[in-house]
PDB file of N, CA and C in Angstrom:
ATOM      1  N   MET A   1      17.924 106.473 175.938  1.00  0.00           N
ATOM      2  CA  MET A   1      17.812 107.242 174.711  1.00  0.00           C
ATOM      3  C   MET A   1      19.155 107.883 174.408  1.00  0.00           C
ATOM      4  N   GLU A   2      19.385 108.051 173.118  1.00  0.00           N
ATOM      5  CA  GLU A   2      20.651 108.641 172.689  1.00  0.00           C
ATOM      6  C   GLU A   2      20.384 109.560 171.506  1.00  0.00           C
ATOM      7  N   ILE A   3      20.992 110.720 171.515  1.00  0.00           N
ATOM      8  CA  ILE A   3      20.905 111.645 170.386  1.00  0.00           C
ATOM      9  C   ILE A   3      22.237 111.608 169.666  1.00  0.00           C
ATOM     10  N   VAL A   4      22.189 111.407 168.342  1.00  0.00           N
ATOM     11  CA  VAL A   4      23.413 111.388 167.541  1.00  0.00           C
ATOM     12  C   VAL A   4      23.300 112.437 166.442  1.00  0.00           C
ATOM     13  N   SER A   5      24.428 112.869 165.947  1.00  0.00           N
ATOM     14  CA  SER A   5      24.483 113.849 164.875  1.00  0.00           C
ATOM     15  C   SER A   5      24.971 113.181 163.594  1.00  0.00           C
ATOM     16  N   ILE A   6      24.144 113.234 162.569  1.00  0.00           N
ATOM     17  CA  ILE A   6      24.546 112.666 161.282  1.00  0.00           C
ATOM     18  C   ILE A   6      25.771 113.396 160.740  1.00  0.00           C
ATOM     19  N   SER A   7      25.834 114.698 160.935  1.00  0.00           N
ATOM     20  CA  SER A   7      26.963 115.464 160.394  1.00  0.00           C
ATOM     21  C   SER A   7      28.293 115.030 161.024  1.00  0.00           C
ATOM     22  N   ASP A   8      28.265 114.564 162.271  1.00  0.00           N
ATOM     23  CA  ASP A   8      29.501 114.089 162.908  1.00  0.00           C
ATOM     24  C   ASP A   8      30.004 112.800 162.272  1.00  0.00           C
ATOM     25  N   GLY A   9      29.116 112.023 161.672  1.00  0.00           N
ATOM     26  CA  GLY A   9      29.496 110.766 161.040  1.00  0.00           C
ATOM     27  C   GLY A   9      29.989 110.902 159.619  1.00  0.00           C
ATOM     28  N   ARG A  10      29.825 112.088 159.027  1.00  0.00           N
ATOM     29  CA  ARG A  10      30.263 112.307 157.641  1.00  0.00           C
ATOM     30  C   ARG A  10      31.786 112.335 157.574  1.00  0.00           C
ATOM     31  N   GLN A  11      32.362 111.314 156.938  1.00  0.00           N
ATOM     32  CA  GLN A  11      33.808 111.228 156.756  1.00  0.00           C
ATOM     33  C   GLN A  11      34.055 110.702 155.348  1.00  0.00           C
ATOM     34  N   PHE A  12      35.004 111.281 154.655  1.00  0.00           N
ATOM     35  CA  PHE A  12      35.287 110.893 153.277  1.00  0.00           C
ATOM     36  C   PHE A  12      36.774 110.626 153.102  1.00  0.00           C
ATOM     37  N   SER A  13      37.095 109.699 152.199  1.00  0.00           N
ATOM     38  CA  SER A  13      38.475 109.384 151.865  1.00  0.00           C
ATOM     39  C   SER A  13      38.532 108.991 150.396  1.00  0.00           C
ATOM     40  N   LEU A  14      39.533 109.469 149.689  1.00  0.00           N
ATOM     41  CA  LEU A  14      39.711 109.078 148.293  1.00  0.00           C
ATOM     42  C   LEU A  14      40.152 107.626 148.167  1.00  0.00           C
ATOM     43  N   LYS A  15      40.679 107.045 149.248  1.00  0.00           N
ATOM     44  CA  LYS A  15      41.178 105.667 149.206  1.00  0.00           C
ATOM     45  C   LYS A  15      40.058 104.636 149.296  1.00  0.00           C
ATOM     46  N   SER A  16      39.032 104.893 150.110  1.00  0.00           N
ATOM     47  CA  SER A  16      37.964 103.911 150.293  1.00  0.00           C
ATOM     48  C   SER A  16      36.730 104.575 150.887  1.00  0.00           C
ATOM     49  N   ILE A  17      35.593 103.876 150.770  1.00  0.00           N
ATOM     50  CA  ILE A  17      34.387 104.396 151.400  1.00  0.00           C
ATOM     51  C   ILE A  17      34.603 104.414 152.911  1.00  0.00           C
ATOM     52  N   GLN A  18      33.858 105.276 153.580  1.00  0.00           N
ATOM     53  CA  GLN A  18      33.991 105.419 155.027  1.00  0.00           C
ATOM     54  C   GLN A  18      32.679 105.057 155.701  1.00  0.00           C
ATOM     55  N   ARG A  19      32.760 104.294 156.779  1.00  0.00           N
ATOM     56  CA  ARG A  19      31.589 103.857 157.534  1.00  0.00           C
ATOM     57  C   ARG A  19      31.694 104.384 158.957  1.00  0.00           C
ATOM     58  N   SER A  20      30.581 104.919 159.455  1.00  0.00           N
ATOM     59  CA  SER A  20      30.529 105.411 160.832  1.00  0.00           C
ATOM     60  C   SER A  20      29.290 104.838 161.498  1.00  0.00           C
ATOM     61  N   ASP A  21      29.462 104.213 162.652  1.00  0.00           N
ATOM     62  CA  ASP A  21      28.323 103.726 163.414  1.00  0.00           C
ATOM     63  C   ASP A  21      27.652 104.910 164.098  1.00  0.00           C
ATOM     64  N   LEU A  22      26.373 105.119 163.795  1.00  0.00           N
ATOM     65  CA  LEU A  22      25.605 106.165 164.470  1.00  0.00           C
ATOM     66  C   LEU A  22      24.932 105.595 165.713  1.00  0.00           C
ATOM     67  N   VAL A  23      24.351 104.398 165.563  1.00  0.00           N
ATOM     68  CA  VAL A  23      23.703 103.700 166.671  1.00  0.00           C
ATOM     69  C   VAL A  23      24.055 102.227 166.544  1.00  0.00           C
ATOM     70  N   LYS A  24      24.498 101.629 167.639  1.00  0.00           N
ATOM     71  CA  LYS A  24      24.794 100.195 167.622  1.00  0.00           C
ATOM     72  C   LYS A  24      24.413  99.616 168.976  1.00  0.00           C
ATOM     73  N   THR A  25      23.313  98.855 168.961  1.00  0.00           N
ATOM     74  CA  THR A  25      22.829  98.208 170.174  1.00  0.00           C
ATOM     75  C   THR A  25      22.653  96.723 169.873  1.00  0.00           C
ATOM     76  N   ASP A  26      22.144  95.975 170.830  1.00  0.00           N
ATOM     77  CA  ASP A  26      21.923  94.544 170.620  1.00  0.00           C
ATOM     78  C   ASP A  26      20.896  94.261 169.532  1.00  0.00           C
ATOM     79  N   ASP A  27      19.945  95.187 169.330  1.00  0.00           N
ATOM     80  CA  ASP A  27      18.869  94.921 168.376  1.00  0.00           C
ATOM     81  C   ASP A  27      18.764  95.915 167.225  1.00  0.00           C
ATOM     82  N   LEU A  28      19.691  96.879 167.136  1.00  0.00           N
ATOM     83  CA  LEU A  28      19.613  97.889 166.083  1.00  0.00           C
ATOM     84  C   LEU A  28      21.013  98.364 165.678  1.00  0.00           C
ATOM     85  N   HIS A  29      21.215  98.509 164.376  1.00  0.00           N
ATOM     86  CA  HIS A  29      22.477  99.053 163.860  1.00  0.00           C
ATOM     87  C   HIS A  29      22.145 100.088 162.795  1.00  0.00           C
ATOM     88  N   ILE A  30      22.571 101.321 163.038  1.00  0.00           N
ATOM     89  CA  ILE A  30      22.408 102.397 162.053  1.00  0.00           C
ATOM     90  C   ILE A  30      23.795 102.910 161.732  1.00  0.00           C
ATOM     91  N   GLU A  31      24.104 102.908 160.447  1.00  0.00           N
ATOM     92  CA  GLU A  31      25.450 103.218 159.980  1.00  0.00           C
ATOM     93  C   GLU A  31      25.371 104.278 158.886  1.00  0.00           C
ATOM     94  N   LEU A  32      26.321 105.188 158.879  1.00  0.00           N
ATOM     95  CA  LEU A  32      26.442 106.169 157.808  1.00  0.00           C
ATOM     96  C   LEU A  32      27.565 105.709 156.883  1.00  0.00           C
ATOM     97  N   ILE A  33      27.269 105.633 155.581  1.00  0.00           N
ATOM     98  CA  ILE A  33      28.254 105.185 154.595  1.00  0.00           C
ATOM     99  C   ILE A  33      28.508 106.353 153.646  1.00  0.00           C
ATOM    100  N   CYS A  34      29.767 106.763 153.519  1.00  0.00           N
ATOM    101  CA  CYS A  34      30.132 107.944 152.737  1.00  0.00           C
ATOM    102  C   CYS A  34      31.047 107.557 151.575  1.00  0.00           C
ATOM    103  N   PHE A  35      30.672 107.982 150.379  1.00  0.00           N
ATOM    104  CA  PHE A  35      31.391 107.648 149.153  1.00  0.00           C
ATOM    105  C   PHE A  35      31.884 108.914 148.471  1.00  0.00           C
ATOM    106  N   GLU A  36      33.101 108.878 147.989  1.00  0.00           N
ATOM    107  CA  GLU A  36      33.593 109.895 147.055  1.00  0.00           C
ATOM    108  C   GLU A  36      33.101 109.501 145.659  1.00  0.00           C
ATOM    109  N   ALA A  37      33.243 110.393 144.700  1.00  0.00           N
ATOM    110  CA  ALA A  37      32.829 110.112 143.322  1.00  0.00           C
ATOM    111  C   ALA A  37      33.523 108.851 142.810  1.00  0.00           C
ATOM    112  N   GLY A  38      32.742 107.951 142.185  1.00  0.00           N
ATOM    113  CA  GLY A  38      33.289 106.752 141.570  1.00  0.00           C
ATOM    114  C   GLY A  38      33.504 105.572 142.504  1.00  0.00           C
ATOM    115  N   GLN A  39      33.313 105.749 143.793  1.00  0.00           N
ATOM    116  CA  GLN A  39      33.551 104.645 144.727  1.00  0.00           C
ATOM    117  C   GLN A  39      32.357 103.709 144.794  1.00  0.00           C
ATOM    118  N   ARG A  40      32.651 102.427 145.071  1.00  0.00           N
ATOM    119  CA  ARG A  40      31.594 101.432 145.259  1.00  0.00           C
ATOM    120  C   ARG A  40      31.978 100.521 146.405  1.00  0.00           C
ATOM    121  N   ASP A  41      30.962  99.961 147.025  1.00  0.00           N
ATOM    122  CA  ASP A  41      31.145  99.025 148.114  1.00  0.00           C
ATOM    123  C   ASP A  41      31.326  97.627 147.538  1.00  0.00           C
ATOM    124  N   GLU A  42      32.014  96.770 148.250  1.00  0.00           N
ATOM    125  CA  GLU A  42      32.131  95.380 147.815  1.00  0.00           C
ATOM    126  C   GLU A  42      30.783  94.693 147.994  1.00  0.00           C
ATOM    127  N   GLU A  43      30.522  93.686 147.153  1.00  0.00           N
ATOM    128  CA  GLU A  43      29.263  92.961 147.275  1.00  0.00           C
ATOM    129  C   GLU A  43      29.181  92.318 148.652  1.00  0.00           C
ATOM    130  N   GLY A  44      28.024  92.437 149.251  1.00  0.00           N
ATOM    131  CA  GLY A  44      27.833  91.842 150.563  1.00  0.00           C
ATOM    132  C   GLY A  44      26.393  91.438 150.753  1.00  0.00           C
ATOM    133  N   LYS A  45      26.155  90.650 151.791  1.00  0.00           N
ATOM    134  CA  LYS A  45      24.795  90.337 152.197  1.00  0.00           C
ATOM    135  C   LYS A  45      24.787  90.267 153.717  1.00  0.00           C
ATOM    136  N   HIS A  46      23.652  90.601 154.277  1.00  0.00           N
ATOM    137  CA  HIS A  46      23.535  90.696 155.720  1.00  0.00           C
ATOM    138  C   HIS A  46      22.532  89.660 156.221  1.00  0.00           C
ATOM    139  N   SER A  47      22.708  89.254 157.459  1.00  0.00           N
ATOM    140  CA  SER A  47      21.815  88.247 158.033  1.00  0.00           C
ATOM    141  C   SER A  47      20.449  88.833 158.387  1.00  0.00           C
ATOM    142  N   HIS A  48      20.320  90.151 158.348  1.00  0.00           N
ATOM    143  CA  HIS A  48      19.057  90.821 158.635  1.00  0.00           C
ATOM    144  C   HIS A  48      18.718  91.760 157.483  1.00  0.00           C
ATOM    145  N   SER A  49      17.448  92.072 157.324  1.00  0.00           N
ATOM    146  CA  SER A  49      17.024  93.021 156.294  1.00  0.00           C
ATOM    147  C   SER A  49      17.689  94.375 156.539  1.00  0.00           C
ATOM    148  N   SER A  50      17.920  95.100 155.452  1.00  0.00           N
ATOM    149  CA  SER A  50      18.530  96.426 155.533  1.00  0.00           C
ATOM    150  C   SER A  50      17.641  97.440 154.829  1.00  0.00           C
ATOM    151  N   VAL A  51      17.636  98.655 155.354  1.00  0.00           N
ATOM    152  CA  VAL A  51      16.974  99.775 154.693  1.00  0.00           C
ATOM    153  C   VAL A  51      18.041 100.833 154.462  1.00  0.00           C
ATOM    154  N   TYR A  52      18.168 101.253 153.206  1.00  0.00           N
ATOM    155  CA  TYR A  52      19.133 102.286 152.839  1.00  0.00           C
ATOM    156  C   TYR A  52      18.378 103.554 152.487  1.00  0.00           C
ATOM    157  N   GLN A  53      18.842 104.687 153.018  1.00  0.00           N
ATOM    158  CA  GLN A  53      18.259 105.978 152.699  1.00  0.00           C
ATOM    159  C   GLN A  53      19.371 106.892 152.195  1.00  0.00           C
ATOM    160  N   VAL A  54      19.170 107.450 151.009  1.00  0.00           N
ATOM    161  CA  VAL A  54      20.145 108.377 150.450  1.00  0.00           C
ATOM    162  C   VAL A  54      19.907 109.754 151.066  1.00  0.00           C
ATOM    163  N   LEU A  55      20.921 110.271 151.743  1.00  0.00           N
ATOM    164  CA  LEU A  55      20.837 111.585 152.363  1.00  0.00           C
ATOM    165  C   LEU A  55      21.418 112.666 151.465  1.00  0.00           C
ATOM    166  N   GLU A  56      22.361 112.267 150.616  1.00  0.00           N
ATOM    167  CA  GLU A  56      23.030 113.224 149.721  1.00  0.00           C
ATOM    168  C   GLU A  56      23.560 112.462 148.523  1.00  0.00           C
ATOM    169  N   GLY A  57      23.397 113.021 147.319  1.00  0.00           N
ATOM    170  CA  GLY A  57      23.931 112.405 146.111  1.00  0.00           C
ATOM    171  C   GLY A  57      22.978 111.410 145.474  1.00  0.00           C
ATOM    172  N   GLU A  58      23.546 110.527 144.664  1.00  0.00           N
ATOM    173  CA  GLU A  58      22.763 109.516 143.960  1.00  0.00           C
ATOM    174  C   GLU A  58      23.492 108.182 144.018  1.00  0.00           C
ATOM    175  N   ALA A  59      22.764 107.141 144.423  1.00  0.00           N
ATOM    176  CA  ALA A  59      23.342 105.803 144.571  1.00  0.00           C
ATOM    177  C   ALA A  59      22.843 104.894 143.462  1.00  0.00           C
ATOM    178  N   LEU A  60      23.677 103.925 143.118  1.00  0.00           N
ATOM    179  CA  LEU A  60      23.292 102.838 142.232  1.00  0.00           C
ATOM    180  C   LEU A  60      23.402 101.565 143.058  1.00  0.00           C
ATOM    181  N   VAL A  61      22.292 100.845 143.179  1.00  0.00           N
ATOM    182  CA  VAL A  61      22.258  99.607 143.946  1.00  0.00           C
ATOM    183  C   VAL A  61      22.100  98.464 142.959  1.00  0.00           C
ATOM    184  N   LYS A  62      22.996  97.481 143.046  1.00  0.00           N
ATOM    185  CA  LYS A  62      22.954  96.329 142.150  1.00  0.00           C
ATOM    186  C   LYS A  62      22.702  95.070 142.968  1.00  0.00           C
ATOM    187  N   HIS A  63      21.786  94.227 142.453  1.00  0.00           N
ATOM    188  CA  HIS A  63      21.535  92.933 143.078  1.00  0.00           C
ATOM    189  C   HIS A  63      20.929  91.994 142.043  1.00  0.00           C
ATOM    190  N   GLU A  64      21.438  90.781 142.010  1.00  0.00           N
ATOM    191  CA  GLU A  64      20.949  89.732 141.125  1.00  0.00           C
ATOM    192  C   GLU A  64      20.788  90.211 139.680  1.00  0.00           C
ATOM    193  N   GLY A  65      21.764  90.947 139.176  1.00  0.00           N
ATOM    194  CA  GLY A  65      21.741  91.418 137.797  1.00  0.00           C
ATOM    195  C   GLY A  65      20.850  92.619 137.549  1.00  0.00           C
ATOM    196  N   ASN A  66      20.182  93.125 138.568  1.00  0.00           N
ATOM    197  CA  ASN A  66      19.322  94.303 138.444  1.00  0.00           C
ATOM    198  C   ASN A  66      20.015  95.517 139.045  1.00  0.00           C
ATOM    199  N   SER A  67      19.705  96.687 138.509  1.00  0.00           N
ATOM    200  CA  SER A  67      20.236  97.939 139.031  1.00  0.00           C
ATOM    201  C   SER A  67      19.094  98.895 139.324  1.00  0.00           C
ATOM    202  N   LYS A  68      19.210  99.617 140.417  1.00  0.00           N
ATOM    203  CA  LYS A  68      18.222 100.632 140.781  1.00  0.00           C
ATOM    204  C   LYS A  68      18.969 101.893 141.197  1.00  0.00           C
ATOM    205  N   ARG A  69      18.487 103.032 140.706  1.00  0.00           N
ATOM    206  CA  ARG A  69      19.056 104.329 141.095  1.00  0.00           C
ATOM    207  C   ARG A  69      18.219 104.915 142.221  1.00  0.00           C
ATOM    208  N   LEU A  70      18.915 105.469 143.194  1.00  0.00           N
ATOM    209  CA  LEU A  70      18.256 106.113 144.321  1.00  0.00           C
ATOM    210  C   LEU A  70      18.806 107.515 144.486  1.00  0.00           C
ATOM    211  N   GLY A  71      17.911 108.487 144.505  1.00  0.00           N
ATOM    212  CA  GLY A  71      18.312 109.863 144.741  1.00  0.00           C
ATOM    213  C   GLY A  71      18.030 110.266 146.186  1.00  0.00           C
ATOM    214  N   LYS A  72      18.351 111.486 146.497  1.00  0.00           N
ATOM    215  CA  LYS A  72      18.177 112.024 147.844  1.00  0.00           C
ATOM    216  C   LYS A  72      16.739 111.833 148.308  1.00  0.00           C
ATOM    217  N   GLY A  73      16.605 111.330 149.538  1.00  0.00           N
ATOM    218  CA  GLY A  73      15.290 111.148 150.122  1.00  0.00           C
ATOM    219  C   GLY A  73      14.620 109.829 149.780  1.00  0.00           C
ATOM    220  N   LYS A  74      15.249 108.987 148.976  1.00  0.00           N
ATOM    221  CA  LYS A  74      14.679 107.690 148.598  1.00  0.00           C
ATOM    222  C   LYS A  74      15.139 106.605 149.561  1.00  0.00           C
ATOM    223  N   LEU A  75      14.275 105.607 149.753  1.00  0.00           N
ATOM    224  CA  LEU A  75      14.579 104.454 150.596  1.00  0.00           C
ATOM    225  C   LEU A  75      14.568 103.192 149.763  1.00  0.00           C
ATOM    226  N   LEU A  76      15.421 102.250 150.115  1.00  0.00           N
ATOM    227  CA  LEU A  76      15.438 100.933 149.483  1.00  0.00           C
ATOM    228  C   LEU A  76      15.501  99.889 150.576  1.00  0.00           C
ATOM    229  N   SER A  77      14.603  98.917 150.520  1.00  0.00           N
ATOM    230  CA  SER A  77      14.601  97.801 151.452  1.00  0.00           C
ATOM    231  C   SER A  77      15.238  96.602 150.769  1.00  0.00           C
ATOM    232  N   VAL A  78      16.226  95.999 151.423  1.00  0.00           N
ATOM    233  CA  VAL A  78      16.911  94.824 150.882  1.00  0.00           C
ATOM    234  C   VAL A  78      16.673  93.665 151.856  1.00  0.00           C
ATOM    235  N   PRO A  79      16.052  92.580 151.391  1.00  0.00           N
ATOM    236  CA  PRO A  79      15.793  91.440 152.279  1.00  0.00           C
ATOM    237  C   PRO A  79      17.088  90.810 152.797  1.00  0.00           C
ATOM    238  N   ALA A  80      16.980  90.114 153.914  1.00  0.00           N
ATOM    239  CA  ALA A  80      18.115  89.397 154.484  1.00  0.00           C
ATOM    240  C   ALA A  80      18.672  88.409 153.472  1.00  0.00           C
ATOM    241  N   GLN A  81      19.978  88.196 153.531  1.00  0.00           N
ATOM    242  CA  GLN A  81      20.693  87.221 152.685  1.00  0.00           C
ATOM    243  C   GLN A  81      20.624  87.537 151.190  1.00  0.00           C
ATOM    244  N   THR A  82      20.390  88.797 150.822  1.00  0.00           N
ATOM    245  CA  THR A  82      20.374  89.219 149.419  1.00  0.00           C
ATOM    246  C   THR A  82      21.698  89.904 149.101  1.00  0.00           C
ATOM    247  N   ALA A  83      22.489  89.305 148.218  1.00  0.00           N
ATOM    248  CA  ALA A  83      23.770  89.908 147.827  1.00  0.00           C
ATOM    249  C   ALA A  83      23.493  91.198 147.054  1.00  0.00           C
ATOM    250  N   HIS A  84      24.236  92.267 147.385  1.00  0.00           N
ATOM    251  CA  HIS A  84      24.016  93.554 146.730  1.00  0.00           C
ATOM    252  C   HIS A  84      25.264  94.430 146.875  1.00  0.00           C
ATOM    253  N   THR A  85      25.341  95.448 146.027  1.00  0.00           N
ATOM    254  CA  THR A  85      26.409  96.446 146.110  1.00  0.00           C
ATOM    255  C   THR A  85      25.797  97.836 146.053  1.00  0.00           C
ATOM    256  N   LEU A  86      26.496  98.784 146.632  1.00  0.00           N
ATOM    257  CA  LEU A  86      26.142 100.202 146.544  1.00  0.00           C
ATOM    258  C   LEU A  86      27.296 100.907 145.854  1.00  0.00           C
ATOM    259  N   GLU A  87      26.946 101.868 145.002  1.00  0.00           N
ATOM    260  CA  GLU A  87      28.015 102.671 144.399  1.00  0.00           C
ATOM    261  C   GLU A  87      27.537 104.083 144.173  1.00  0.00           C
ATOM    262  N   ASN A  88      28.491 104.992 144.110  1.00  0.00           N
ATOM    263  CA  ASN A  88      28.195 106.389 143.868  1.00  0.00           C
ATOM    264  C   ASN A  88      27.923 106.555 142.380  1.00  0.00           C
ATOM    265  N   ALA A  89      26.694 106.912 142.037  1.00  0.00           N
ATOM    266  CA  ALA A  89      26.299 107.052 140.634  1.00  0.00           C
ATOM    267  C   ALA A  89      26.460 108.479 140.136  1.00  0.00           C
ATOM    268  N   GLY A  90      26.795 109.412 141.005  1.00  0.00           N
ATOM    269  CA  GLY A  90      26.928 110.808 140.611  1.00  0.00           C
ATOM    270  C   GLY A  90      28.380 111.262 140.615  1.00  0.00           C
ATOM    271  N   GLY A  91      28.575 112.527 140.310  1.00  0.00           N
ATOM    272  CA  GLY A  91      29.923 113.074 140.263  1.00  0.00           C
ATOM    273  C   GLY A  91      30.380 113.705 141.558  1.00  0.00           C
ATOM    274  N   GLY A  92      29.465 113.812 142.541  1.00  0.00           N
ATOM    275  CA  GLY A  92      29.808 114.427 143.817  1.00  0.00           C
ATOM    276  C   GLY A  92      29.896 113.397 144.920  1.00  0.00           C
ATOM    277  N   LEU A  93      29.578 113.826 146.115  1.00  0.00           N
ATOM    278  CA  LEU A  93      29.618 112.948 147.279  1.00  0.00           C
ATOM    279  C   LEU A  93      28.305 112.182 147.405  1.00  0.00           C
ATOM    280  N   LEU A  94      28.373 110.994 147.999  1.00  0.00           N
ATOM    281  CA  LEU A  94      27.193 110.178 148.293  1.00  0.00           C
ATOM    282  C   LEU A  94      27.209 109.848 149.777  1.00  0.00           C
ATOM    283  N   VAL A  95      26.083 110.104 150.449  1.00  0.00           N
ATOM    284  CA  VAL A  95      25.931 109.770 151.857  1.00  0.00           C
ATOM    285  C   VAL A  95      24.671 108.918 151.998  1.00  0.00           C
ATOM    286  N   VAL A  96      24.840 107.720 152.545  1.00  0.00           N
ATOM    287  CA  VAL A  96      23.739 106.761 152.684  1.00  0.00           C
ATOM    288  C   VAL A  96      23.651 106.339 154.144  1.00  0.00           C
ATOM    289  N   MET A  97      22.427 106.304 154.680  1.00  0.00           N
ATOM    290  CA  MET A  97      22.218 105.785 156.013  1.00  0.00           C
ATOM    291  C   MET A  97      21.641 104.381 155.890  1.00  0.00           C
ATOM    292  N   ALA A  98      22.306 103.407 156.507  1.00  0.00           N
ATOM    293  CA  ALA A  98      21.870 102.019 156.490  1.00  0.00           C
ATOM    294  C   ALA A  98      21.318 101.666 157.869  1.00  0.00           C
ATOM    295  N   THR A  99      20.125 101.067 157.883  1.00  0.00           N
ATOM    296  CA  THR A  99      19.480 100.676 159.130  1.00  0.00           C
ATOM    297  C   THR A  99      19.179  99.191 159.096  1.00  0.00           C
ATOM    298  N   ARG A 100      19.549  98.490 160.178  1.00  0.00           N
ATOM    299  CA  ARG A 100      19.272  97.050 160.297  1.00  0.00           C
ATOM    300  C   ARG A 100      18.740  96.753 161.683  1.00  0.00           C
ATOM    301  N   ALA A 101      17.590  96.081 161.723  1.00  0.00           N
ATOM    302  CA  ALA A 101      17.067  95.578 162.990  1.00  0.00           C
ATOM    303  C   ALA A 101      17.693  94.213 163.216  1.00  0.00           C
ATOM    304  N   LEU A 102      18.296  94.003 164.345  1.00  0.00           N
ATOM    305  CA  LEU A 102      19.079  92.785 164.593  1.00  0.00           C
ATOM    306  C   LEU A 102      18.346  91.809 165.518  1.00  0.00           C
ATOM    307  N   GLY A 103      17.057  91.746 165.436  1.00  0.00           N
ATOM    308  CA  GLY A 103      16.329  90.899 166.386  1.00  0.00           C
ATOM    309  C   GLY A 103      15.901  89.582 165.871  1.00  0.00           C
TER     310      GLY A 103
END
């Protein structure tokens, strides 16, 4: 068992989004993704399903021409091999926790 602190993973940069591994094992990856205002992630897709939870701010998730807004406390499940992007939809900071089961 391992205890991690989400606050320790919060890192921000005006140059690019910041990613911090909170948990990384053979079968689980939990990552904290931190965005400054106006930042967006490059389009990507993962070999495993992902669950994104907004911890702070508001995210805009785009996939296959569709957009969904997620506020604090909302979860989004993205199936494996689905191309998508995340971006900061608000004027402040955005903190998103991404969880992937790697089994």
